[in-house]
Protein backbone atom coordinates (compact mmCIF):
# COMPACT_ATOMS: atom_id res chain seq x y z
CA MET A 1 -17.44 9.29 10.10
CA ILE A 2 -14.83 10.72 7.74
CA ILE A 3 -12.22 12.72 9.66
CA ARG A 4 -10.83 15.64 7.69
CA LYS A 5 -7.35 16.86 8.58
CA SER A 6 -6.08 20.38 9.14
CA PRO A 7 -3.18 21.74 7.08
CA ALA A 8 -0.89 21.21 10.09
CA GLU A 9 -1.99 17.59 10.44
CA ILE A 10 -1.41 17.00 6.74
CA GLU A 11 2.12 18.37 7.09
CA SER A 12 2.80 15.94 9.94
CA MET A 13 1.48 13.12 7.80
CA ALA A 14 3.74 14.24 4.97
CA HIS A 15 6.74 14.09 7.31
CA GLY A 16 5.79 10.57 8.33
CA GLY A 17 5.18 9.81 4.67
CA ALA A 18 8.73 10.86 3.83
CA ILE A 19 9.98 8.33 6.38
CA VAL A 20 7.76 5.69 4.78
CA ALA A 21 9.10 6.51 1.32
CA GLU A 22 12.71 6.39 2.46
CA THR A 23 12.04 3.06 4.17
CA LEU A 24 10.55 1.58 1.01
CA THR A 25 13.55 2.81 -0.96
CA LEU A 26 15.97 1.26 1.53
CA ILE A 27 14.20 -2.10 1.47
CA GLY A 28 14.05 -2.03 -2.32
CA GLU A 29 17.81 -1.56 -2.44
CA HIS A 30 18.31 -4.70 -0.33
CA ILE A 31 15.86 -6.98 -2.15
CA ARG A 32 17.82 -9.73 -3.86
CA PRO A 33 17.95 -13.53 -3.92
CA GLY A 34 19.06 -15.00 -0.59
CA VAL A 35 17.90 -12.13 1.64
CA THR A 36 15.38 -13.17 4.28
CA LEU A 37 12.17 -11.32 5.07
CA VAL A 38 13.23 -10.91 8.69
CA GLU A 39 16.42 -9.16 7.60
CA LEU A 40 14.39 -6.67 5.58
CA ASP A 41 12.02 -6.04 8.48
CA VAL A 42 14.93 -5.26 10.82
CA LEU A 43 16.33 -2.74 8.32
CA ALA A 44 12.95 -1.03 8.10
CA GLU A 45 12.44 -0.78 11.85
CA GLU A 46 15.91 0.62 12.44
CA LEU A 47 15.41 3.36 9.85
CA ILE A 48 11.93 4.33 11.05
CA LEU A 49 13.08 4.65 14.66
CA SER A 50 16.19 6.60 13.64
CA GLN A 51 13.98 9.23 12.01
CA GLY A 52 11.75 9.77 15.04
CA GLY A 53 8.89 7.69 13.72
CA ARG A 54 7.17 4.64 15.11
CA PRO A 55 6.38 1.51 13.08
CA THR A 56 2.59 1.70 13.02
CA PHE A 57 2.05 -1.96 12.24
CA LYS A 58 4.06 -3.33 15.16
CA GLY A 59 1.61 -4.27 17.89
CA TYR A 60 -1.42 -3.20 15.85
CA ARG A 61 -4.09 -5.74 16.81
CA GLY A 62 -1.21 -7.97 17.90
CA TYR A 63 0.76 -7.83 14.65
CA PRO A 64 4.35 -8.84 15.50
CA ALA A 65 6.50 -6.97 12.95
CA SER A 66 7.26 -3.49 11.62
CA THR A 67 6.41 -4.26 7.99
CA CYS A 68 4.13 -6.52 6.00
CA LEU A 69 6.23 -8.52 3.52
CA SER A 70 4.15 -10.58 1.11
CA PRO A 71 5.85 -12.73 -1.56
CA ASN A 72 4.33 -14.06 -4.75
CA ALA A 73 0.74 -15.27 -4.14
CA VAL A 74 0.54 -13.51 -0.76
CA VAL A 75 -1.52 -10.39 -1.44
CA VAL A 76 -1.06 -8.56 1.88
CA HIS A 77 -0.23 -8.90 5.58
CA GLY A 78 2.63 -11.36 5.22
CA ILE A 79 4.50 -11.63 8.53
CA PRO A 80 8.28 -11.39 7.97
CA ASN A 81 9.91 -14.77 8.57
CA ASP A 82 13.02 -16.73 7.58
CA TYR A 83 11.93 -17.20 3.97
CA ALA A 84 14.90 -16.38 1.72
CA LEU A 85 13.92 -14.58 -1.47
CA GLU A 86 14.46 -16.45 -4.72
CA GLU A 87 15.19 -15.28 -8.24
CA GLY A 88 11.92 -14.55 -10.01
CA ASP A 89 9.89 -13.79 -6.86
CA VAL A 90 7.86 -10.65 -6.45
CA LEU A 91 7.59 -9.07 -3.00
CA SER A 92 4.96 -6.65 -1.72
CA VAL A 93 6.43 -4.35 0.94
CA ASP A 94 3.89 -2.44 3.07
CA VAL A 95 5.12 0.18 5.53
CA GLY A 96 3.26 2.39 8.01
CA VAL A 97 4.80 5.14 10.11
CA THR A 98 3.27 7.09 12.98
CA TYR A 99 4.78 10.55 13.37
CA ASP A 100 3.44 13.25 15.67
CA GLY A 101 0.46 11.01 16.36
CA LEU A 102 -0.53 10.66 12.71
CA VAL A 103 -0.18 7.73 10.34
CA ALA A 104 1.15 7.50 6.77
CA ASP A 105 0.94 4.22 4.86
CA SER A 106 2.40 3.07 1.55
CA ALA A 107 3.31 -0.10 -0.32
CA SER A 108 5.14 -1.21 -3.42
CA THR A 109 5.73 -4.57 -5.06
CA PHE A 110 9.31 -5.29 -6.08
CA PRO A 111 10.87 -7.81 -8.48
CA VAL A 112 13.51 -10.15 -7.09
CA GLY A 113 16.18 -10.40 -9.73
CA GLN A 114 14.86 -11.28 -13.18
CA ILE A 115 11.12 -11.94 -13.20
CA SER A 116 8.85 -13.33 -15.89
CA ALA A 117 7.32 -11.09 -18.53
CA GLU A 118 3.85 -11.74 -17.08
CA ALA A 119 5.00 -10.83 -13.58
CA GLU A 120 6.55 -7.63 -14.93
CA ARG A 121 3.29 -6.79 -16.68
CA LEU A 122 1.34 -7.41 -13.47
CA LEU A 123 3.55 -4.97 -11.58
CA ASP A 124 3.32 -2.35 -14.33
CA VAL A 125 -0.46 -2.58 -14.57
CA SER A 126 -0.94 -2.50 -10.79
CA SER A 127 1.24 0.60 -10.52
CA ALA A 128 -0.70 2.22 -13.35
CA ALA A 129 -3.96 1.38 -11.55
CA LEU A 130 -2.70 3.26 -8.49
CA ASP A 131 -1.79 6.27 -10.65
CA ALA A 132 -5.24 6.25 -12.26
CA ALA A 133 -6.92 6.04 -8.86
CA ILE A 134 -4.89 8.92 -7.46
CA GLU A 135 -5.86 11.04 -10.46
CA GLN A 136 -9.49 10.71 -9.30
CA CYS A 137 -8.67 12.10 -5.83
CA ARG A 138 -9.95 15.56 -6.60
CA GLU A 139 -12.49 17.81 -4.88
CA GLY A 140 -15.97 17.23 -6.25
CA ASN A 141 -15.36 13.68 -7.44
CA ARG A 142 -17.12 10.77 -5.74
CA LEU A 143 -15.46 8.08 -3.68
CA SER A 144 -16.41 5.32 -6.12
CA ASP A 145 -14.52 7.09 -8.91
CA ILE A 146 -11.32 5.85 -7.24
CA GLY A 147 -12.23 2.17 -7.29
CA HIS A 148 -13.72 2.41 -10.77
CA ALA A 149 -10.37 3.67 -12.05
CA VAL A 150 -8.53 0.72 -10.46
CA GLN A 151 -10.98 -1.81 -11.84
CA THR A 152 -10.86 -0.35 -15.33
CA VAL A 153 -7.07 -0.44 -15.60
CA ALA A 154 -6.74 -3.92 -14.07
CA GLU A 155 -9.51 -5.66 -15.98
CA GLU A 156 -8.64 -4.09 -19.34
CA ALA A 157 -5.23 -5.74 -18.92
CA GLY A 158 -6.81 -9.12 -18.16
CA PHE A 159 -6.11 -9.12 -14.42
CA SER A 160 -8.48 -9.41 -11.44
CA VAL A 161 -9.20 -6.97 -8.63
CA VAL A 162 -9.13 -8.58 -5.18
CA ARG A 163 -12.59 -7.52 -4.04
CA GLU A 164 -12.52 -8.58 -0.39
CA LEU A 165 -9.74 -6.12 0.44
CA SER A 166 -9.86 -2.36 0.10
CA GLY A 167 -8.26 0.99 0.74
CA HIS A 168 -9.31 3.17 3.66
CA GLY A 169 -9.12 6.50 5.34
CA VAL A 170 -5.96 7.03 7.36
CA GLY A 171 -4.51 9.63 9.70
CA ARG A 172 -5.31 9.78 13.37
CA THR A 173 -5.59 5.99 13.32
CA MET A 174 -4.44 3.29 10.94
CA HIS A 175 -7.89 2.57 9.56
CA GLU A 176 -10.51 5.30 9.35
CA ASP A 177 -13.63 5.84 7.29
CA PRO A 178 -14.22 5.67 4.42
CA HIS A 179 -13.89 2.12 3.14
CA ILE A 180 -12.51 2.39 -0.44
CA PRO A 181 -13.26 -0.62 -2.69
CA ASN A 182 -11.05 -1.13 -5.73
CA TYR A 183 -14.02 -1.70 -8.03
CA GLY A 184 -17.49 -0.37 -8.73
CA SER A 185 -19.47 2.09 -10.81
CA PRO A 186 -18.34 5.73 -10.87
CA GLY A 187 -20.24 8.66 -9.40
CA ARG A 188 -21.32 7.07 -6.13
CA GLY A 189 -20.55 7.55 -2.46
CA PRO A 190 -19.34 10.60 -0.53
CA VAL A 191 -18.09 13.66 -2.37
CA LEU A 192 -14.33 14.11 -2.02
CA THR A 193 -13.55 17.30 -0.12
CA GLU A 194 -10.51 19.16 1.14
CA GLY A 195 -8.80 17.56 4.15
CA MET A 196 -9.69 13.94 3.42
CA THR A 197 -6.65 11.67 3.70
CA LEU A 198 -6.98 8.33 1.97
CA ALA A 199 -4.87 5.19 1.68
CA ILE A 200 -5.37 4.20 -1.94
CA GLU A 201 -4.19 0.61 -2.49
CA PRO A 202 -4.94 -1.52 -5.54
CA MET A 203 -4.49 -5.25 -4.84
CA ILE A 204 -4.50 -7.15 -8.10
CA SER A 205 -4.24 -10.83 -9.01
CA ALA A 206 -2.82 -12.33 -12.17
CA GLY A 207 -5.46 -15.06 -11.83
CA ARG A 208 -8.78 -15.16 -10.06
CA PRO A 209 -9.78 -12.64 -7.37
CA GLU A 210 -10.70 -15.06 -4.56
CA ILE A 211 -8.47 -15.07 -1.47
CA VAL A 212 -7.70 -17.29 1.50
CA VAL A 213 -6.47 -16.32 4.98
CA HIS A 214 -3.48 -18.25 6.33
CA ASP A 215 -3.47 -20.10 9.64
CA ASP A 216 -1.59 -17.20 11.28
CA GLN A 217 -4.77 -15.13 10.70
CA TRP A 218 -2.73 -12.36 9.03
CA ALA A 219 -1.32 -13.34 5.66
CA ILE A 220 -3.84 -13.38 2.81
CA SER A 221 -3.11 -15.17 -0.47
CA THR A 222 -4.84 -15.68 -3.77
CA ARG A 223 -6.88 -18.86 -3.51
CA ASP A 224 -5.63 -20.17 -6.87
CA GLY A 225 -1.97 -19.47 -6.07
CA SER A 226 -1.60 -16.83 -8.78
CA LEU A 227 0.82 -13.94 -8.38
CA ALA A 228 -0.47 -10.78 -6.71
CA ALA A 229 0.69 -7.18 -6.63
CA HIS A 230 -0.03 -4.41 -4.13
CA PHE A 231 0.73 -0.71 -4.55
CA GLU A 232 -0.35 2.03 -2.16
CA HIS A 233 0.00 5.73 -1.39
CA THR A 234 -1.48 7.99 1.26
CA VAL A 235 -3.16 10.87 -0.56
CA ALA A 236 -4.63 14.15 0.71
CA ILE A 237 -7.50 15.89 -1.09
CA THR A 238 -6.47 19.53 -1.60
CA PRO A 239 -7.79 22.47 -3.66
CA ALA A 240 -4.73 22.07 -5.89
CA GLY A 241 -5.51 18.41 -6.57
CA PRO A 242 -4.30 15.14 -5.05
CA ARG A 243 -1.24 15.45 -2.83
CA ILE A 244 0.71 12.22 -2.41
CA LEU A 245 1.98 12.27 1.18
CA THR A 246 4.13 9.17 0.71
CA ALA A 247 5.74 10.21 -2.57
CA ALA A 248 9.36 9.95 -3.65
CA PRO A 249 11.84 9.71 -0.82
CA VAL A 250 13.13 12.81 0.92
CA LEU A 251 16.42 12.06 2.66
CA LEU A 252 15.79 13.10 6.23
CA ARG A 253 19.21 12.63 7.77
């Protein structure tokens, strides 16, 4: 069942989304060669708690950290550890914040120092795929229009959509209906209506789309070891068009 949110609930999600955005900005400012993933996770948790939020991921189904930090071929759900970032890496940073009982979720993939031209193109295309998907988040469109937009942008650039992972509804819990694939034909599925809140998250591979789950049962990598990128926003369907609840940072202090 798709749970539509009231205007007041959407405002609470937007407040949590501002914390998410500020957290992503802070982590991005500290990403450089030599920094460990654990150090970045600590920074994120401290900021989230200081703003009255709660790190949604921590404890979710036993997950042990406040962020998901996924380098290089790791698509999503990387558990922060002692890995020290290296020049040329790319790092997906996924942050969720619960504020006033509601969840906002966003991710971005960052370069570490100078990256290859192909890695830069992967990040640019994946970000553009997110923008194209958000543009489809309008009343009267169909759910599959979102995934079709992602697939079109990614595949026209020669990249692959990771098909076994998807976006999702979000709000009162971390994962709500509907399931939002990043591929498919347009014009199918539920009609988008006011009050839907959706986590739109293209996950794109520079190589093949197949994935493998690590022994920790969390981290998921491309099976062929190719670079991956992950971008995400929480978006509300409104009469005025898509509202990005995790948009550019608003300094809350």
